[in-house]
Amino acid sequence: MASEPYLATIAAAQGSYVVNDTTEATKSFDCLMVLEDTVFTSLKVGGVDKLSEYVSTVGNTVKAGCIIRAKSAGKFSGVQLTSGSVMLVL
């Protein structure tokens, strides 16, 4: 069934990890959920910052509840916050 990988991602079948500080988390993850109003420093794919491809105004607050999914069923490789917290879906 084609939707099975997406269901596994939504269900966090591989686990999750909460980032709630300003230290860069270098993990492979499919998507993230913003747990509280958050400002991102970087969002990396393959070790390269791609934040501007996912957030229109870098440096502004992303509101709680937002889900950011890697494009083309890819994987993120890292995230760093200025403030707030996110849950990484591994």
PDB file of N, CA and C in Angstrom:
ATOM      1  N   MET A   1       0.841  -1.180   0.000  1.00  0.00           N
ATOM      2  CA  MET A   1       0.000   0.000   0.000  1.00  0.00           C
ATOM      3  C   MET A   1       0.885   1.242   0.000  1.00  0.00           C
ATOM      4  N   ALA A   2       0.660   2.172  -0.896  1.00  0.00           N
ATOM      5  CA  ALA A   2       1.503   3.345  -1.074  1.00  0.00           C
ATOM      6  C   ALA A   2       1.513   4.276   0.129  1.00  0.00           C
ATOM      7  N   SER A   3       0.455   4.314   0.898  1.00  0.00           N
ATOM      8  CA  SER A   3       0.380   5.261   2.005  1.00  0.00           C
ATOM      9  C   SER A   3       1.051   4.768   3.285  1.00  0.00           C
ATOM     10  N   GLU A   4       1.486   3.513   3.323  1.00  0.00           N
ATOM     11  CA  GLU A   4       2.068   2.960   4.544  1.00  0.00           C
ATOM     12  C   GLU A   4       3.265   3.748   5.071  1.00  0.00           C
ATOM     13  N   PRO A   5       4.239   4.161   4.249  1.00  0.00           N
ATOM     14  CA  PRO A   5       5.354   4.941   4.791  1.00  0.00           C
ATOM     15  C   PRO A   5       4.892   6.246   5.435  1.00  0.00           C
ATOM     16  N   TYR A   6       3.882   6.880   4.856  1.00  0.00           N
ATOM     17  CA  TYR A   6       3.376   8.133   5.405  1.00  0.00           C
ATOM     18  C   TYR A   6       2.660   7.901   6.721  1.00  0.00           C
ATOM     19  N   LEU A   7       1.939   6.793   6.827  1.00  0.00           N
ATOM     20  CA  LEU A   7       1.269   6.455   8.080  1.00  0.00           C
ATOM     21  C   LEU A   7       2.292   6.192   9.178  1.00  0.00           C
ATOM     22  N   ALA A   8       3.383   5.522   8.831  1.00  0.00           N
ATOM     23  CA  ALA A   8       4.438   5.260   9.814  1.00  0.00           C
ATOM     24  C   ALA A   8       5.061   6.560  10.290  1.00  0.00           C
ATOM     25  N   THR A   9       5.221   7.528   9.389  1.00  0.00           N
ATOM     26  CA  THR A   9       5.773   8.827   9.772  1.00  0.00           C
ATOM     27  C   THR A   9       4.819   9.561  10.695  1.00  0.00           C
ATOM     28  N   ILE A  10       3.565   9.634  10.311  1.00  0.00           N
ATOM     29  CA  ILE A  10       2.569  10.330  11.130  1.00  0.00           C
ATOM     30  C   ILE A  10       2.463   9.701  12.514  1.00  0.00           C
ATOM     31  N   ALA A  11       2.572   8.386  12.579  1.00  0.00           N
ATOM     32  CA  ALA A  11       2.465   7.668  13.846  1.00  0.00           C
ATOM     33  C   ALA A  11       3.773   7.677  14.640  1.00  0.00           C
ATOM     34  N   ALA A  12       4.832   8.264  14.074  1.00  0.00           N
ATOM     35  CA  ALA A  12       6.156   8.292  14.704  1.00  0.00           C
ATOM     36  C   ALA A  12       6.621   6.872  15.052  1.00  0.00           C
ATOM     37  N   ALA A  13       6.431   5.964  14.102  1.00  0.00           N
ATOM     38  CA  ALA A  13       6.739   4.553  14.322  1.00  0.00           C
ATOM     39  C   ALA A  13       8.211   4.308  14.662  1.00  0.00           C
ATOM     40  N   GLN A  14       9.113   5.178  14.196  1.00  0.00           N
ATOM     41  CA  GLN A  14      10.541   5.031  14.479  1.00  0.00           C
ATOM     42  C   GLN A  14      10.962   5.785  15.744  1.00  0.00           C
ATOM     43  N   GLY A  15      10.002   6.443  16.390  1.00  0.00           N
ATOM     44  CA  GLY A  15      10.301   7.175  17.612  1.00  0.00           C
ATOM     45  C   GLY A  15      10.346   8.675  17.386  1.00  0.00           C
ATOM     46  N   SER A  16      10.638   9.386  18.441  1.00  0.00           N
ATOM     47  CA  SER A  16      10.705  10.846  18.374  1.00  0.00           C
ATOM     48  C   SER A  16      11.777  11.349  19.326  1.00  0.00           C
ATOM     49  N   TYR A  17      12.107  12.627  19.184  1.00  0.00           N
ATOM     50  CA  TYR A  17      13.136  13.253  20.012  1.00  0.00           C
ATOM     51  C   TYR A  17      12.755  14.713  20.175  1.00  0.00           C
ATOM     52  N   VAL A  18      12.736  15.205  21.404  1.00  0.00           N
ATOM     53  CA  VAL A  18      12.360  16.593  21.673  1.00  0.00           C
ATOM     54  C   VAL A  18      13.624  17.448  21.759  1.00  0.00           C
ATOM     55  N   VAL A  19      13.629  18.539  21.010  1.00  0.00           N
ATOM     56  CA  VAL A  19      14.698  19.530  21.064  1.00  0.00           C
ATOM     57  C   VAL A  19      14.121  20.747  21.788  1.00  0.00           C
ATOM     58  N   ASN A  20      14.726  21.113  22.917  1.00  0.00           N
ATOM     59  CA  ASN A  20      14.212  22.230  23.702  1.00  0.00           C
ATOM     60  C   ASN A  20      15.334  23.119  24.234  1.00  0.00           C
ATOM     61  N   ASP A  21      16.429  23.183  23.455  1.00  0.00           N
ATOM     62  CA  ASP A  21      17.534  24.066  23.802  1.00  0.00           C
ATOM     63  C   ASP A  21      18.131  24.635  22.521  1.00  0.00           C
ATOM     64  N   THR A  22      19.246  25.347  22.622  1.00  0.00           N
ATOM     65  CA  THR A  22      19.829  25.997  21.445  1.00  0.00           C
ATOM     66  C   THR A  22      21.014  25.230  20.858  1.00  0.00           C
ATOM     67  N   THR A  23      21.244  24.010  21.336  1.00  0.00           N
ATOM     68  CA  THR A  23      22.303  23.165  20.789  1.00  0.00           C
ATOM     69  C   THR A  23      21.782  22.453  19.542  1.00  0.00           C
ATOM     70  N   GLU A  24      22.575  22.454  18.465  1.00  0.00           N
ATOM     71  CA  GLU A  24      22.134  21.792  17.237  1.00  0.00           C
ATOM     72  C   GLU A  24      21.931  20.301  17.471  1.00  0.00           C
ATOM     73  N   ALA A  25      20.789  19.791  17.053  1.00  0.00           N
ATOM     74  CA  ALA A  25      20.501  18.357  17.094  1.00  0.00           C
ATOM     75  C   ALA A  25      20.811  17.799  15.714  1.00  0.00           C
ATOM     76  N   THR A  26      21.793  16.925  15.621  1.00  0.00           N
ATOM     77  CA  THR A  26      22.165  16.320  14.340  1.00  0.00           C
ATOM     78  C   THR A  26      21.662  14.885  14.328  1.00  0.00           C
ATOM     79  N   LYS A  27      20.449  14.739  13.844  1.00  0.00           N
ATOM     80  CA  LYS A  27      19.776  13.447  13.748  1.00  0.00           C
ATOM     81  C   LYS A  27      19.095  13.372  12.389  1.00  0.00           C
ATOM     82  N   SER A  28      18.851  12.174  11.924  1.00  0.00           N
ATOM     83  CA  SER A  28      18.093  11.963  10.705  1.00  0.00           C
ATOM     84  C   SER A  28      16.613  11.873  11.080  1.00  0.00           C
ATOM     85  N   PHE A  29      15.790  12.764  10.501  1.00  0.00           N
ATOM     86  CA  PHE A  29      14.368  12.747  10.825  1.00  0.00           C
ATOM     87  C   PHE A  29      13.530  13.161   9.622  1.00  0.00           C
ATOM     88  N   ASP A  30      12.298  12.619   9.598  1.00  0.00           N
ATOM     89  CA  ASP A  30      11.381  12.829   8.472  1.00  0.00           C
ATOM     90  C   ASP A  30      10.669  14.174   8.543  1.00  0.00           C
ATOM     91  N   CYS A  31      10.248  14.543   9.742  1.00  0.00           N
ATOM     92  CA  CYS A  31       9.507  15.785   9.915  1.00  0.00           C
ATOM     93  C   CYS A  31       9.628  16.232  11.357  1.00  0.00           C
ATOM     94  N   LEU A  32       9.135  17.423  11.611  1.00  0.00           N
ATOM     95  CA  LEU A  32       9.132  17.922  12.978  1.00  0.00           C
ATOM     96  C   LEU A  32       7.815  18.603  13.265  1.00  0.00           C
ATOM     97  N   MET A  33       7.461  18.625  14.534  1.00  0.00           N
ATOM     98  CA  MET A  33       6.267  19.315  14.997  1.00  0.00           C
ATOM     99  C   MET A  33       6.711  20.392  15.975  1.00  0.00           C
ATOM    100  N   VAL A  34       6.243  21.610  15.744  1.00  0.00           N
ATOM    101  CA  VAL A  34       6.574  22.731  16.608  1.00  0.00           C
ATOM    102  C   VAL A  34       5.681  22.638  17.846  1.00  0.00           C
ATOM    103  N   LEU A  35       6.298  22.500  19.021  1.00  0.00           N
ATOM    104  CA  LEU A  35       5.559  22.293  20.265  1.00  0.00           C
ATOM    105  C   LEU A  35       5.118  23.595  20.937  1.00  0.00           C
ATOM    106  N   GLU A  36       5.880  24.651  20.710  1.00  0.00           N
ATOM    107  CA  GLU A  36       5.535  25.977  21.221  1.00  0.00           C
ATOM    108  C   GLU A  36       6.065  26.974  20.202  1.00  0.00           C
ATOM    109  N   ASP A  37       5.650  28.213  20.299  1.00  0.00           N
ATOM    110  CA  ASP A  37       6.155  29.211  19.365  1.00  0.00           C
ATOM    111  C   ASP A  37       7.687  29.142  19.363  1.00  0.00           C
ATOM    112  N   THR A  38       8.270  29.011  18.156  1.00  0.00           N
ATOM    113  CA  THR A  38       9.694  28.694  18.024  1.00  0.00           C
ATOM    114  C   THR A  38      10.352  29.538  16.950  1.00  0.00           C
ATOM    115  N   VAL A  39      11.600  29.924  17.212  1.00  0.00           N
ATOM    116  CA  VAL A  39      12.434  30.587  16.206  1.00  0.00           C
ATOM    117  C   VAL A  39      13.577  29.627  15.875  1.00  0.00           C
ATOM    118  N   PHE A  40      13.751  29.342  14.592  1.00  0.00           N
ATOM    119  CA  PHE A  40      14.781  28.424  14.125  1.00  0.00           C
ATOM    120  C   PHE A  40      16.060  29.179  13.777  1.00  0.00           C
ATOM    121  N   THR A  41      17.204  28.564  14.091  1.00  0.00           N
ATOM    122  CA  THR A  41      18.499  29.052  13.636  1.00  0.00           C
ATOM    123  C   THR A  41      18.828  28.403  12.300  1.00  0.00           C
ATOM    124  N   SER A  42      18.607  27.072  12.225  1.00  0.00           N
ATOM    125  CA  SER A  42      18.858  26.341  10.979  1.00  0.00           C
ATOM    126  C   SER A  42      18.005  25.087  10.920  1.00  0.00           C
ATOM    127  N   LEU A  43      17.783  24.633   9.701  1.00  0.00           N
ATOM    128  CA  LEU A  43      17.101  23.369   9.425  1.00  0.00           C
ATOM    129  C   LEU A  43      17.863  22.755   8.259  1.00  0.00           C
ATOM    130  N   LYS A  44      18.542  21.647   8.504  1.00  0.00           N
ATOM    131  CA  LYS A  44      19.486  21.116   7.521  1.00  0.00           C
ATOM    132  C   LYS A  44      19.000  19.858   6.814  1.00  0.00           C
ATOM    133  N   VAL A  45      19.408  19.768   5.550  1.00  0.00           N
ATOM    134  CA  VAL A  45      19.224  18.580   4.715  1.00  0.00           C
ATOM    135  C   VAL A  45      20.605  18.258   4.160  1.00  0.00           C
ATOM    136  N   GLY A  46      21.080  17.045   4.417  1.00  0.00           N
ATOM    137  CA  GLY A  46      22.418  16.681   3.949  1.00  0.00           C
ATOM    138  C   GLY A  46      23.506  17.578   4.512  1.00  0.00           C
ATOM    139  N   GLY A  47      23.297  18.103   5.710  1.00  0.00           N
ATOM    140  CA  GLY A  47      24.279  18.966   6.364  1.00  0.00           C
ATOM    141  C   GLY A  47      24.274  20.410   5.905  1.00  0.00           C
ATOM    142  N   VAL A  48      23.375  20.760   4.975  1.00  0.00           N
ATOM    143  CA  VAL A  48      23.299  22.116   4.424  1.00  0.00           C
ATOM    144  C   VAL A  48      22.029  22.792   4.928  1.00  0.00           C
ATOM    145  N   ASP A  49      22.152  24.032   5.390  1.00  0.00           N
ATOM    146  CA  ASP A  49      20.998  24.759   5.897  1.00  0.00           C
ATOM    147  C   ASP A  49      20.010  25.050   4.770  1.00  0.00           C
ATOM    148  N   LYS A  50      18.777  24.592   4.939  1.00  0.00           N
ATOM    149  CA  LYS A  50      17.709  24.794   3.959  1.00  0.00           C
ATOM    150  C   LYS A  50      16.516  25.511   4.591  1.00  0.00           C
ATOM    151  N   LEU A  51      16.723  26.184   5.713  1.00  0.00           N
ATOM    152  CA  LEU A  51      15.624  26.812   6.445  1.00  0.00           C
ATOM    153  C   LEU A  51      14.772  27.709   5.559  1.00  0.00           C
ATOM    154  N   SER A  52      15.394  28.486   4.695  1.00  0.00           N
ATOM    155  CA  SER A  52      14.639  29.423   3.856  1.00  0.00           C
ATOM    156  C   SER A  52      13.734  28.718   2.842  1.00  0.00           C
ATOM    157  N   GLU A  53      13.941  27.419   2.613  1.00  0.00           N
ATOM    158  CA  GLU A  53      13.062  26.660   1.724  1.00  0.00           C
ATOM    159  C   GLU A  53      11.810  26.166   2.448  1.00  0.00           C
ATOM    160  N   TYR A  54      11.807  26.251   3.777  1.00  0.00           N
ATOM    161  CA  TYR A  54      10.686  25.753   4.576  1.00  0.00           C
ATOM    162  C   TYR A  54       9.987  26.837   5.391  1.00  0.00           C
ATOM    163  N   VAL A  55      10.667  27.957   5.622  1.00  0.00           N
ATOM    164  CA  VAL A  55      10.096  29.061   6.393  1.00  0.00           C
ATOM    165  C   VAL A  55      10.300  30.329   5.578  1.00  0.00           C
ATOM    166  N   SER A  56       9.206  31.037   5.276  1.00  0.00           N
ATOM    167  CA  SER A  56       9.297  32.184   4.366  1.00  0.00           C
ATOM    168  C   SER A  56      10.104  33.348   4.924  1.00  0.00           C
ATOM    169  N   THR A  57       9.986  33.632   6.206  1.00  0.00           N
ATOM    170  CA  THR A  57      10.740  34.730   6.798  1.00  0.00           C
ATOM    171  C   THR A  57      11.611  34.162   7.915  1.00  0.00           C
ATOM    172  N   VAL A  58      12.844  33.840   7.583  1.00  0.00           N
ATOM    173  CA  VAL A  58      13.782  33.277   8.546  1.00  0.00           C
ATOM    174  C   VAL A  58      13.995  34.300   9.659  1.00  0.00           C
ATOM    175  N   GLY A  59      13.975  33.829  10.895  1.00  0.00           N
ATOM    176  CA  GLY A  59      14.144  34.725  12.037  1.00  0.00           C
ATOM    177  C   GLY A  59      12.840  35.087  12.700  1.00  0.00           C
ATOM    178  N   ASN A  60      11.721  34.844  12.013  1.00  0.00           N
ATOM    179  CA  ASN A  60      10.410  35.075  12.620  1.00  0.00           C
ATOM    180  C   ASN A  60       9.945  33.823  13.347  1.00  0.00           C
ATOM    181  N   THR A  61       8.971  34.000  14.209  1.00  0.00           N
ATOM    182  CA  THR A  61       8.429  32.895  14.997  1.00  0.00           C
ATOM    183  C   THR A  61       7.549  31.986  14.144  1.00  0.00           C
ATOM    184  N   VAL A  62       7.744  30.678  14.304  1.00  0.00           N
ATOM    185  CA  VAL A  62       6.862  29.673  13.719  1.00  0.00           C
ATOM    186  C   VAL A  62       5.930  29.236  14.846  1.00  0.00           C
ATOM    187  N   LYS A  63       4.657  29.276  14.604  1.00  0.00           N
ATOM    188  CA  LYS A  63       3.663  29.043  15.648  1.00  0.00           C
ATOM    189  C   LYS A  63       3.544  27.566  16.041  1.00  0.00           C
ATOM    190  N   ALA A  64       3.202  27.357  17.300  1.00  0.00           N
ATOM    191  CA  ALA A  64       2.985  26.018  17.836  1.00  0.00           C
ATOM    192  C   ALA A  64       1.953  25.267  17.002  1.00  0.00           C
ATOM    193  N   GLY A  65       2.199  23.978  16.799  1.00  0.00           N
ATOM    194  CA  GLY A  65       1.279  23.129  16.037  1.00  0.00           C
ATOM    195  C   GLY A  65       1.692  22.932  14.594  1.00  0.00           C
ATOM    196  N   CYS A  66       2.616  23.746  14.109  1.00  0.00           N
ATOM    197  CA  CYS A  66       3.076  23.627  12.720  1.00  0.00           C
ATOM    198  C   CYS A  66       3.851  22.321  12.542  1.00  0.00           C
ATOM    199  N   ILE A  67       3.612  21.642  11.426  1.00  0.00           N
ATOM    200  CA  ILE A  67       4.358  20.434  11.075  1.00  0.00           C
ATOM    201  C   ILE A  67       5.159  20.742   9.817  1.00  0.00           C
ATOM    202  N   ILE A  68       6.451  20.459   9.849  1.00  0.00           N
ATOM    203  CA  ILE A  68       7.323  20.678   8.691  1.00  0.00           C
ATOM    204  C   ILE A  68       7.849  19.327   8.250  1.00  0.00           C
ATOM    205  N   ARG A  69       7.561  18.963   7.010  1.00  0.00           N
ATOM    206  CA  ARG A  69       7.929  17.658   6.431  1.00  0.00           C
ATOM    207  C   ARG A  69       9.014  17.867   5.392  1.00  0.00           C
ATOM    208  N   ALA A  70      10.004  16.999   5.365  1.00  0.00           N
ATOM    209  CA  ALA A  70      11.057  17.071   4.354  1.00  0.00           C
ATOM    210  C   ALA A  70      10.454  16.864   2.964  1.00  0.00           C
ATOM    211  N   LYS A  71      10.958  17.599   1.987  1.00  0.00           N
ATOM    212  CA  LYS A  71      10.464  17.510   0.616  1.00  0.00           C
ATOM    213  C   LYS A  71      10.828  16.182  -0.021  1.00  0.00           C
ATOM    214  N   SER A  72      10.006  15.739  -0.952  1.00  0.00           N
ATOM    215  CA  SER A  72      10.242  14.529  -1.754  1.00  0.00           C
ATOM    216  C   SER A  72      10.553  13.313  -0.897  1.00  0.00           C
ATOM    217  N   ALA A  73       9.857  13.202   0.239  1.00  0.00           N
ATOM    218  CA  ALA A  73      10.034  12.071   1.161  1.00  0.00           C
ATOM    219  C   ALA A  73      11.493  11.912   1.591  1.00  0.00           C
ATOM    220  N   GLY A  74      12.214  13.037   1.629  1.00  0.00           N
ATOM    221  CA  GLY A  74      13.608  13.022   2.065  1.00  0.00           C
ATOM    222  C   GLY A  74      13.722  13.035   3.580  1.00  0.00           C
ATOM    223  N   LYS A  75      14.911  13.341   4.057  1.00  0.00           N
ATOM    224  CA  LYS A  75      15.188  13.379   5.499  1.00  0.00           C
ATOM    225  C   LYS A  75      15.929  14.673   5.829  1.00  0.00           C
ATOM    226  N   PHE A  76      15.605  15.223   6.982  1.00  0.00           N
ATOM    227  CA  PHE A  76      16.383  16.320   7.528  1.00  0.00           C
ATOM    228  C   PHE A  76      17.591  15.715   8.232  1.00  0.00           C
ATOM    229  N   SER A  77      18.675  16.495   8.347  1.00  0.00           N
ATOM    230  CA  SER A  77      19.882  15.998   9.012  1.00  0.00           C
ATOM    231  C   SER A  77      20.222  16.768  10.283  1.00  0.00           C
ATOM    232  N   GLY A  78      19.533  17.869  10.525  1.00  0.00           N
ATOM    233  CA  GLY A  78      19.814  18.625  11.740  1.00  0.00           C
ATOM    234  C   GLY A  78      18.881  19.805  11.896  1.00  0.00           C
ATOM    235  N   VAL A  79      18.782  20.269  13.146  1.00  0.00           N
ATOM    236  CA  VAL A  79      17.973  21.444  13.443  1.00  0.00           C
ATOM    237  C   VAL A  79      18.602  22.166  14.631  1.00  0.00           C
ATOM    238  N   GLN A  80      18.537  23.493  14.590  1.00  0.00           N
ATOM    239  CA  GLN A  80      19.000  24.297  15.714  1.00  0.00           C
ATOM    240  C   GLN A  80      17.981  25.406  15.939  1.00  0.00           C
ATOM    241  N   LEU A  81      17.688  25.659  17.209  1.00  0.00           N
ATOM    242  CA  LEU A  81      16.689  26.645  17.590  1.00  0.00           C
ATOM    243  C   LEU A  81      17.327  27.854  18.242  1.00  0.00           C
ATOM    244  N   THR A  82      16.699  28.993  18.066  1.00  0.00           N
ATOM    245  CA  THR A  82      17.032  30.195  18.825  1.00  0.00           C
ATOM    246  C   THR A  82      16.220  30.203  20.105  1.00  0.00           C
ATOM    247  N   SER A  83      14.949  29.781  19.976  1.00  0.00           N
ATOM    248  CA  SER A  83      14.063  29.675  21.132  1.00  0.00           C
ATOM    249  C   SER A  83      12.937  28.707  20.789  1.00  0.00           C
ATOM    250  N   GLY A  84      12.252  28.209  21.818  1.00  0.00           N
ATOM    251  CA  GLY A  84      11.118  27.320  21.628  1.00  0.00           C
ATOM    252  C   GLY A  84      11.494  25.857  21.745  1.00  0.00           C
ATOM    253  N   SER A  85      10.610  24.984  21.228  1.00  0.00           N
ATOM    254  CA  SER A  85      10.874  23.546  21.252  1.00  0.00           C
ATOM    255  C   SER A  85      10.129  22.865  20.112  1.00  0.00           C
ATOM    256  N   VAL A  86      10.717  21.755  19.647  1.00  0.00           N
ATOM    257  CA  VAL A  86      10.136  20.965  18.564  1.00  0.00           C
ATOM    258  C   VAL A  86      10.284  19.496  18.886  1.00  0.00           C
ATOM    259  N   MET A  87       9.427  18.678  18.287  1.00  0.00           N
ATOM    260  CA  MET A  87       9.551  17.231  18.377  1.00  0.00           C
ATOM    261  C   MET A  87       9.971  16.717  16.998  1.00  0.00           C
ATOM    262  N   LEU A  88      11.092  16.017  16.938  1.00  0.00           N
ATOM    263  CA  LEU A  88      11.550  15.408  15.698  1.00  0.00           C
ATOM    264  C   LEU A  88      10.906  14.046  15.553  1.00  0.00           C
ATOM    265  N   VAL A  89      10.351  13.756  14.392  1.00  0.00           N
ATOM    266  CA  VAL A  89       9.793  12.433  14.098  1.00  0.00           C
ATOM    267  C   VAL A  89      10.876  11.667  13.353  1.00  0.00           C
ATOM    268  N   LEU A  90      11.439  10.668  14.030  1.00  0.00           N
ATOM    269  CA  LEU A  90      12.590   9.921  13.503  1.00  0.00           C
ATOM    270  C   LEU A  90      12.193   8.892  12.458  1.00  0.00           C
TER     271      LEU A  90
END
